[in-house]
PDB file of N, CA and C in Angstrom:
ATOM      1  N   MET A   1    -130.882  59.573 -91.623  1.00  0.00           N
ATOM      2  CA  MET A   1    -129.993  59.175 -90.671  1.00  0.00           C
ATOM      3  C   MET A   1    -130.147  58.250 -90.596  1.00  0.00           C
ATOM      4  N   THR A   2    -128.449  57.604 -90.482  1.00  0.00           N
ATOM      5  CA  THR A   2    -128.496  55.959 -90.623  1.00  0.00           C
ATOM      6  C   THR A   2    -127.677  55.558 -89.336  1.00  0.00           C
ATOM      7  N   HIS A   3    -128.309  54.494 -88.797  1.00  0.00           N
ATOM      8  CA  HIS A   3    -127.282  54.077 -87.778  1.00  0.00           C
ATOM      9  C   HIS A   3    -126.776  52.712 -87.784  1.00  0.00           C
ATOM     10  N   LYS A   4    -125.818  53.057 -87.029  1.00  0.00           N
ATOM     11  CA  LYS A   4    -124.709  51.426 -87.431  1.00  0.00           C
ATOM     12  C   LYS A   4    -124.851  50.860 -86.341  1.00  0.00           C
ATOM     13  N   LEU A   5    -125.308  49.655 -85.980  1.00  0.00           N
ATOM     14  CA  LEU A   5    -125.613  48.810 -85.264  1.00  0.00           C
ATOM     15  C   LEU A   5    -124.834  47.545 -85.028  1.00  0.00           C
ATOM     16  N   LYS A   6    -124.655  47.129 -84.031  1.00  0.00           N
ATOM     17  CA  LYS A   6    -123.511  45.621 -84.181  1.00  0.00           C
ATOM     18  C   LYS A   6    -124.858  44.574 -83.534  1.00  0.00           C
ATOM     19  N   ILE A   7    -124.892  43.761 -84.107  1.00  0.00           N
ATOM     20  CA  ILE A   7    -125.280  42.421 -84.168  1.00  0.00           C
ATOM     21  C   ILE A   7    -124.828  41.208 -84.277  1.00  0.00           C
ATOM     22  N   SER A   8    -125.478  40.375 -82.606  1.00  0.00           N
ATOM     23  CA  SER A   8    -124.409  39.207 -83.020  1.00  0.00           C
ATOM     24  C   SER A   8    -124.736  37.985 -84.205  1.00  0.00           C
ATOM     25  N   GLU A   9    -123.777  37.389 -84.294  1.00  0.00           N
ATOM     26  CA  GLU A   9    -124.294  36.051 -85.298  1.00  0.00           C
ATOM     27  C   GLU A   9    -125.747  35.502 -85.170  1.00  0.00           C
ATOM     28  N   GLU A  10    -126.072  35.178 -84.486  1.00  0.00           N
ATOM     29  CA  GLU A  10    -127.398  34.628 -83.765  1.00  0.00           C
ATOM     30  C   GLU A  10    -128.374  35.152 -84.792  1.00  0.00           C
ATOM     31  N   TYR A  11    -128.428  36.424 -84.032  1.00  0.00           N
ATOM     32  CA  TYR A  11    -129.467  37.103 -84.731  1.00  0.00           C
ATOM     33  C   TYR A  11    -129.333  38.082 -86.220  1.00  0.00           C
ATOM     34  N   TYR A  12    -128.104  37.866 -86.635  1.00  0.00           N
ATOM     35  CA  TYR A  12    -128.121  38.274 -87.940  1.00  0.00           C
ATOM     36  C   TYR A  12    -128.133  37.221 -88.765  1.00  0.00           C
ATOM     37  N   ILE A  13    -128.294  36.191 -88.522  1.00  0.00           N
ATOM     38  CA  ILE A  13    -128.812  34.945 -89.459  1.00  0.00           C
ATOM     39  C   ILE A  13    -130.183  34.802 -89.350  1.00  0.00           C
ATOM     40  N   ALA A  14    -130.632  35.329 -88.451  1.00  0.00           N
ATOM     41  CA  ALA A  14    -132.178  35.408 -88.580  1.00  0.00           C
ATOM     42  C   ALA A  14    -132.327  36.247 -89.456  1.00  0.00           C
ATOM     43  N   VAL A  15    -132.065  37.723 -88.983  1.00  0.00           N
ATOM     44  CA  VAL A  15    -132.236  38.821 -90.215  1.00  0.00           C
ATOM     45  C   VAL A  15    -132.001  38.362 -91.652  1.00  0.00           C
ATOM     46  N   GLU A  16    -131.132  37.894 -91.726  1.00  0.00           N
ATOM     47  CA  GLU A  16    -130.528  37.468 -93.225  1.00  0.00           C
ATOM     48  C   GLU A  16    -131.679  36.750 -93.970  1.00  0.00           C
ATOM     49  N   ASN A  17    -131.988  35.646 -93.062  1.00  0.00           N
ATOM     50  CA  ASN A  17    -133.155  35.026 -93.571  1.00  0.00           C
ATOM     51  C   ASN A  17    -134.432  35.065 -93.634  1.00  0.00           C
ATOM     52  N   LYS A  18    -134.499  36.308 -93.329  1.00  0.00           N
ATOM     53  CA  LYS A  18    -135.656  37.451 -93.257  1.00  0.00           C
ATOM     54  C   LYS A  18    -137.016  36.695 -92.160  1.00  0.00           C
ATOM     55  N   GLU A  19    -136.022  36.011 -91.238  1.00  0.00           N
ATOM     56  CA  GLU A  19    -137.075  35.377 -89.791  1.00  0.00           C
ATOM     57  C   GLU A  19    -137.026  36.672 -88.833  1.00  0.00           C
ATOM     58  N   LYS A  20    -136.517  37.140 -88.580  1.00  0.00           N
ATOM     59  CA  LYS A  20    -136.427  38.529 -87.718  1.00  0.00           C
ATOM     60  C   LYS A  20    -136.351  39.493 -88.757  1.00  0.00           C
ATOM     61  N   LYS A  21    -137.348  40.447 -88.476  1.00  0.00           N
ATOM     62  CA  LYS A  21    -137.986  41.566 -88.778  1.00  0.00           C
ATOM     63  C   LYS A  21    -138.068  43.004 -87.891  1.00  0.00           C
ATOM     64  N   PHE A  22    -137.552  42.941 -86.536  1.00  0.00           N
ATOM     65  CA  PHE A  22    -137.854  43.841 -85.362  1.00  0.00           C
ATOM     66  C   PHE A  22    -136.371  43.763 -84.751  1.00  0.00           C
ATOM     67  N   GLU A  23    -136.038  44.997 -83.903  1.00  0.00           N
ATOM     68  CA  GLU A  23    -134.814  45.002 -83.554  1.00  0.00           C
ATOM     69  C   GLU A  23    -135.319  45.845 -81.922  1.00  0.00           C
ATOM     70  N   ILE A  24    -134.860  45.214 -80.689  1.00  0.00           N
ATOM     71  CA  ILE A  24    -135.200  46.125 -79.479  1.00  0.00           C
ATOM     72  C   ILE A  24    -134.132  46.236 -78.971  1.00  0.00           C
ATOM     73  N   ARG A  25    -134.174  47.955 -78.574  1.00  0.00           N
ATOM     74  CA  ARG A  25    -132.563  48.765 -78.649  1.00  0.00           C
ATOM     75  C   ARG A  25    -133.073  49.826 -77.346  1.00  0.00           C
ATOM     76  N   PHE A  26    -131.812  49.977 -76.687  1.00  0.00           N
ATOM     77  CA  PHE A  26    -131.982  51.180 -76.115  1.00  0.00           C
ATOM     78  C   PHE A  26    -131.859  52.553 -77.142  1.00  0.00           C
ATOM     79  N   ASN A  27    -133.088  53.352 -76.692  1.00  0.00           N
ATOM     80  CA  ASN A  27    -132.878  54.445 -77.431  1.00  0.00           C
ATOM     81  C   ASN A  27    -131.977  55.641 -77.438  1.00  0.00           C
ATOM     82  N   ASP A  28    -131.087  55.310 -77.359  1.00  0.00           N
ATOM     83  CA  ASP A  28    -129.971  56.827 -77.384  1.00  0.00           C
ATOM     84  C   ASP A  28    -129.635  57.451 -78.585  1.00  0.00           C
ATOM     85  N   ARG A  29    -130.360  56.875 -79.651  1.00  0.00           N
ATOM     86  CA  ARG A  29    -129.722  57.152 -80.891  1.00  0.00           C
ATOM     87  C   ARG A  29    -131.784  58.277 -81.381  1.00  0.00           C
ATOM     88  N   ASN A  30    -132.384  58.369 -80.785  1.00  0.00           N
ATOM     89  CA  ASN A  30    -133.773  58.854 -81.334  1.00  0.00           C
ATOM     90  C   ASN A  30    -134.057  58.187 -82.587  1.00  0.00           C
ATOM     91  N   PHE A  31    -134.291  56.751 -82.793  1.00  0.00           N
ATOM     92  CA  PHE A  31    -134.782  55.970 -83.738  1.00  0.00           C
ATOM     93  C   PHE A  31    -136.096  56.893 -83.989  1.00  0.00           C
ATOM     94  N   GLN A  32    -136.172  56.969 -85.413  1.00  0.00           N
ATOM     95  CA  GLN A  32    -137.603  57.657 -86.130  1.00  0.00           C
ATOM     96  C   GLN A  32    -137.716  56.537 -87.095  1.00  0.00           C
ATOM     97  N   VAL A  33    -138.788  56.730 -87.700  1.00  0.00           N
ATOM     98  CA  VAL A  33    -139.424  55.757 -88.950  1.00  0.00           C
ATOM     99  C   VAL A  33    -138.756  56.659 -90.278  1.00  0.00           C
ATOM    100  N   GLY A  34    -138.420  56.027 -90.932  1.00  0.00           N
ATOM    101  CA  GLY A  34    -138.198  56.194 -91.649  1.00  0.00           C
ATOM    102  C   GLY A  34    -136.106  56.362 -92.164  1.00  0.00           C
ATOM    103  N   ASP A  35    -135.794  56.397 -90.807  1.00  0.00           N
ATOM    104  CA  ASP A  35    -133.926  56.283 -90.802  1.00  0.00           C
ATOM    105  C   ASP A  35    -133.689  55.069 -91.081  1.00  0.00           C
ATOM    106  N   ARG A  36    -132.257  55.050 -91.713  1.00  0.00           N
ATOM    107  CA  ARG A  36    -131.745  53.989 -92.242  1.00  0.00           C
ATOM    108  C   ARG A  36    -130.982  52.675 -91.097  1.00  0.00           C
ATOM    109  N   ILE A  37    -131.027  51.886 -91.039  1.00  0.00           N
ATOM    110  CA  ILE A  37    -130.043  51.256 -90.252  1.00  0.00           C
ATOM    111  C   ILE A  37    -128.865  50.510 -90.954  1.00  0.00           C
ATOM    112  N   LEU A  38    -128.079  50.230 -90.098  1.00  0.00           N
ATOM    113  CA  LEU A  38    -127.141  49.097 -91.089  1.00  0.00           C
ATOM    114  C   LEU A  38    -126.470  48.016 -89.592  1.00  0.00           C
ATOM    115  N   LEU A  39    -126.987  47.080 -90.042  1.00  0.00           N
ATOM    116  CA  LEU A  39    -126.571  46.222 -89.271  1.00  0.00           C
ATOM    117  C   LEU A  39    -125.045  45.323 -89.309  1.00  0.00           C
ATOM    118  N   GLN A  40    -124.484  45.395 -88.610  1.00  0.00           N
ATOM    119  CA  GLN A  40    -122.843  44.637 -88.448  1.00  0.00           C
ATOM    120  C   GLN A  40    -122.772  43.629 -87.670  1.00  0.00           C
ATOM    121  N   GLU A  41    -122.447  42.315 -88.558  1.00  0.00           N
ATOM    122  CA  GLU A  41    -122.558  41.826 -87.717  1.00  0.00           C
ATOM    123  C   GLU A  41    -121.409  41.335 -86.533  1.00  0.00           C
ATOM    124  N   ILE A  42    -121.184  40.956 -85.405  1.00  0.00           N
ATOM    125  CA  ILE A  42    -119.982  40.686 -85.059  1.00  0.00           C
ATOM    126  C   ILE A  42    -120.322  39.537 -84.360  1.00  0.00           C
ATOM    127  N   THR A  43    -118.907  38.979 -83.985  1.00  0.00           N
ATOM    128  CA  THR A  43    -118.370  37.474 -83.475  1.00  0.00           C
ATOM    129  C   THR A  43    -118.797  37.727 -81.716  1.00  0.00           C
ATOM    130  N   GLU A  44    -118.665  36.460 -80.858  1.00  0.00           N
ATOM    131  CA  GLU A  44    -118.742  36.203 -79.587  1.00  0.00           C
ATOM    132  C   GLU A  44    -117.988  37.686 -78.838  1.00  0.00           C
ATOM    133  N   ASN A  45    -116.710  37.685 -79.627  1.00  0.00           N
ATOM    134  CA  ASN A  45    -115.614  38.282 -79.002  1.00  0.00           C
ATOM    135  C   ASN A  45    -115.567  39.753 -79.366  1.00  0.00           C
ATOM    136  N   LYS A  46    -116.879  40.146 -80.066  1.00  0.00           N
ATOM    137  CA  LYS A  46    -117.001  41.055 -80.073  1.00  0.00           C
ATOM    138  C   LYS A  46    -115.879  41.937 -81.611  1.00  0.00           C
ATOM    139  N   ASP A  47    -115.561  41.376 -82.413  1.00  0.00           N
ATOM    140  CA  ASP A  47    -115.170  41.737 -83.604  1.00  0.00           C
ATOM    141  C   ASP A  47    -116.003  41.618 -84.799  1.00  0.00           C
ATOM    142  N   TYR A  48    -115.658  42.654 -85.902  1.00  0.00           N
ATOM    143  CA  TYR A  48    -116.619  42.804 -87.109  1.00  0.00           C
ATOM    144  C   TYR A  48    -116.443  41.690 -87.673  1.00  0.00           C
ATOM    145  N   THR A  49    -117.143  40.977 -88.694  1.00  0.00           N
ATOM    146  CA  THR A  49    -116.867  40.258 -89.432  1.00  0.00           C
ATOM    147  C   THR A  49    -117.348  40.739 -90.671  1.00  0.00           C
ATOM    148  N   GLY A  50    -117.255  41.893 -91.447  1.00  0.00           N
ATOM    149  CA  GLY A  50    -117.579  42.276 -92.339  1.00  0.00           C
ATOM    150  C   GLY A  50    -118.963  42.309 -92.992  1.00  0.00           C
ATOM    151  N   ARG A  51    -119.428  41.209 -92.264  1.00  0.00           N
ATOM    152  CA  ARG A  51    -121.117  41.228 -93.462  1.00  0.00           C
ATOM    153  C   ARG A  51    -121.950  42.113 -92.750  1.00  0.00           C
ATOM    154  N   GLU A  52    -122.842  42.508 -93.448  1.00  0.00           N
ATOM    155  CA  GLU A  52    -123.577  43.777 -92.991  1.00  0.00           C
ATOM    156  C   GLU A  52    -125.278  43.804 -93.691  1.00  0.00           C
ATOM    157  N   ILE A  53    -126.272  44.623 -93.432  1.00  0.00           N
ATOM    158  CA  ILE A  53    -127.692  44.202 -93.677  1.00  0.00           C
ATOM    159  C   ILE A  53    -128.221  45.566 -93.298  1.00  0.00           C
ATOM    160  N   SER A  54    -128.585  45.893 -94.638  1.00  0.00           N
ATOM    161  CA  SER A  54    -129.127  47.160 -94.658  1.00  0.00           C
ATOM    162  C   SER A  54    -130.934  47.289 -94.852  1.00  0.00           C
ATOM    163  N   GLY A  55    -131.030  48.570 -93.922  1.00  0.00           N
ATOM    164  CA  GLY A  55    -132.401  48.480 -94.090  1.00  0.00           C
ATOM    165  C   GLY A  55    -133.208  49.781 -93.517  1.00  0.00           C
ATOM    166  N   VAL A  56    -134.208  50.067 -93.824  1.00  0.00           N
ATOM    167  CA  VAL A  56    -134.949  51.151 -92.928  1.00  0.00           C
ATOM    168  C   VAL A  56    -136.247  51.104 -91.708  1.00  0.00           C
ATOM    169  N   ILE A  57    -136.365  51.889 -90.983  1.00  0.00           N
ATOM    170  CA  ILE A  57    -136.818  51.388 -89.803  1.00  0.00           C
ATOM    171  C   ILE A  57    -138.380  52.020 -90.615  1.00  0.00           C
ATOM    172  N   THR A  58    -139.393  51.014 -90.196  1.00  0.00           N
ATOM    173  CA  THR A  58    -141.332  50.952 -90.625  1.00  0.00           C
ATOM    174  C   THR A  58    -141.614  51.456 -89.562  1.00  0.00           C
ATOM    175  N   TYR A  59    -141.337  50.946 -88.273  1.00  0.00           N
ATOM    176  CA  TYR A  59    -142.572  51.279 -87.034  1.00  0.00           C
ATOM    177  C   TYR A  59    -141.789  51.075 -86.040  1.00  0.00           C
ATOM    178  N   ILE A  60    -142.338  51.953 -84.812  1.00  0.00           N
ATOM    179  CA  ILE A  60    -141.715  52.191 -83.687  1.00  0.00           C
ATOM    180  C   ILE A  60    -142.443  52.059 -82.770  1.00  0.00           C
ATOM    181  N   THR A  61    -142.026  51.292 -81.074  1.00  0.00           N
ATOM    182  CA  THR A  61    -143.264  51.267 -80.228  1.00  0.00           C
ATOM    183  C   THR A  61    -142.288  51.097 -79.134  1.00  0.00           C
ATOM    184  N   LYS A  62    -143.104  51.748 -77.688  1.00  0.00           N
ATOM    185  CA  LYS A  62    -142.288  51.483 -76.829  1.00  0.00           C
ATOM    186  C   LYS A  62    -142.845  50.453 -75.798  1.00  0.00           C
ATOM    187  N   TYR A  63    -144.491  49.958 -76.394  1.00  0.00           N
ATOM    188  CA  TYR A  63    -145.172  49.470 -75.288  1.00  0.00           C
ATOM    189  C   TYR A  63    -144.286  47.642 -74.583  1.00  0.00           C
ATOM    190  N   GLU A  64    -144.538  47.771 -73.672  1.00  0.00           N
ATOM    191  CA  GLU A  64    -144.347  46.928 -72.614  1.00  0.00           C
ATOM    192  C   GLU A  64    -142.521  46.926 -72.478  1.00  0.00           C
ATOM    193  N   GLN A  65    -141.866  47.785 -73.229  1.00  0.00           N
ATOM    194  CA  GLN A  65    -140.120  48.026 -72.975  1.00  0.00           C
ATOM    195  C   GLN A  65    -139.987  48.416 -71.569  1.00  0.00           C
ATOM    196  N   LYS A  66    -138.978  48.176 -71.325  1.00  0.00           N
ATOM    197  CA  LYS A  66    -137.859  48.736 -70.099  1.00  0.00           C
ATOM    198  C   LYS A  66    -137.773  50.373 -70.201  1.00  0.00           C
ATOM    199  N   GLU A  67    -137.387  51.077 -69.295  1.00  0.00           N
ATOM    200  CA  GLU A  67    -137.351  52.295 -69.923  1.00  0.00           C
ATOM    201  C   GLU A  67    -136.133  52.712 -70.384  1.00  0.00           C
ATOM    202  N   GLY A  68    -136.753  53.407 -71.488  1.00  0.00           N
ATOM    203  CA  GLY A  68    -135.264  53.924 -72.317  1.00  0.00           C
ATOM    204  C   GLY A  68    -135.192  52.984 -73.628  1.00  0.00           C
ATOM    205  N   PHE A  69    -135.933  51.641 -73.583  1.00  0.00           N
ATOM    206  CA  PHE A  69    -135.955  50.734 -74.750  1.00  0.00           C
ATOM    207  C   PHE A  69    -137.266  51.158 -75.589  1.00  0.00           C
ATOM    208  N   VAL A  70    -137.138  50.815 -77.211  1.00  0.00           N
ATOM    209  CA  VAL A  70    -137.908  50.712 -78.003  1.00  0.00           C
ATOM    210  C   VAL A  70    -138.122  49.347 -79.046  1.00  0.00           C
ATOM    211  N   VAL A  71    -138.956  49.084 -79.655  1.00  0.00           N
ATOM    212  CA  VAL A  71    -139.104  48.119 -80.381  1.00  0.00           C
ATOM    213  C   VAL A  71    -138.741  49.003 -81.566  1.00  0.00           C
ATOM    214  N   PHE A  72    -138.451  48.439 -82.854  1.00  0.00           N
ATOM    215  CA  PHE A  72    -138.683  48.941 -84.217  1.00  0.00           C
ATOM    216  C   PHE A  72    -138.338  47.686 -84.941  1.00  0.00           C
ATOM    217  N   GLY A  73    -139.444  47.947 -85.839  1.00  0.00           N
ATOM    218  CA  GLY A  73    -139.634  46.805 -87.536  1.00  0.00           C
ATOM    219  C   GLY A  73    -139.147  47.361 -88.377  1.00  0.00           C
ATOM    220  N   PHE A  74    -138.282  46.736 -89.251  1.00  0.00           N
ATOM    221  CA  PHE A  74    -137.613  47.547 -90.387  1.00  0.00           C
ATOM    222  C   PHE A  74    -137.834  46.637 -91.870  1.00  0.00           C
ATOM    223  N   LYS A  75    -137.334  46.760 -92.641  1.00  0.00           N
ATOM    224  CA  LYS A  75    -137.304  46.067 -93.865  1.00  0.00           C
ATOM    225  C   LYS A  75    -136.156  46.035 -94.348  1.00  0.00           C
ATOM    226  N   GLN A  76    -136.023  45.129 -95.160  1.00  0.00           N
ATOM    227  CA  GLN A  76    -133.939  45.189 -95.689  1.00  0.00           C
ATOM    228  C   GLN A  76    -134.136  45.792 -97.226  1.00  0.00           C
ATOM    229  N   ILE A  77    -133.237  46.564 -97.278  1.00  0.00           N
ATOM    230  CA  ILE A  77    -133.328  47.397 -98.466  1.00  0.00           C
ATOM    231  C   ILE A  77    -131.831  47.192 -99.227  1.00  0.00           C
TER     232      ILE A  77
END
């Protein structure tokens, strides 16, 4: 499964620079280890910039998260 996810410029740059290797997301998609993600950068006005980063989920936890949220680690591919 591939999940297309919006990501703001601030966080996109951190992922692009390999400083950020996790996401905290509402789990309305039933994220699973091995799923692919496509992070699509958006502006403050919620417009797509056309820049994207692909990755694969490597770890998932609900520890200390709000109800319905998960943290997943990923690696870029």
